[in-house]
Amino acid sequence: MLTHIGTKTIETERLVLRRFEYTDDEEMLKNWVADEKIQSLYSEPVYSTKAEVKGLLDKYIGSYEREDYYRWAVIEKASDECIGQIAYFLVDSKNHFAEIEYCIGSEFQCKGYATEATKAVIDYGFKEMNLHKVQICTKTINAPSKRVIEKCGFTYEGTLRDYFFMNGEYVGRLYFSILRSEYEA
């Protein structure tokens, strides 16, 4: 049975995953929400002003009232800077699964932060939420994200061909998952 506990703080070796705060706005703008390349890789709009980011934060922070809402600011311990976000953006209570999305600012990529955050959220999903399955997707053009997914132990399930139309071309969507039995093994 899936247990909803909401977004609780998670600490890893180099990161703190915590609820977003309004004071994260400047670092969000600096590190990822204004970056078209990053935002397009996970199909999100670009936010270029503090007012736009405040609107996004209103949505995130307002949703923390719900116990079935899971979205974390990714904070690098060394700098105490908000370098990205990770979430269970899709939670299916009936079928006991959730899907992860994440993004890390370009300056902080290729340092293992996405892998570290994703592994922590997988642990949270199985240990705290009692999920049966955790799934994750990436675009076929996002090789760095595919490497993160593989490092986290996900099993490839298949590709939805020509799922997205981006910059004048079609891009596939790769699906991966981990079952509770695989996680516990």
Foldseek 3Di string as FASTA:
>chain_A
DFDQAFADWDDDPFKIWGQDDLVLLVLCLVFPLQDPVQCVFVVHHRDHDSVSVVVVSCVRVVCRVDSNWYKTFIAGPVVRHRFWIKTQPDADPVQQETEMDITGGPVPPPPCSLLRVVLRVVCCSCPPGVGFKYKYKGKPVPVSVVVSCVVSPWAWDDKDWQPDQPPNDGIIMTMTMDGSVNVVD
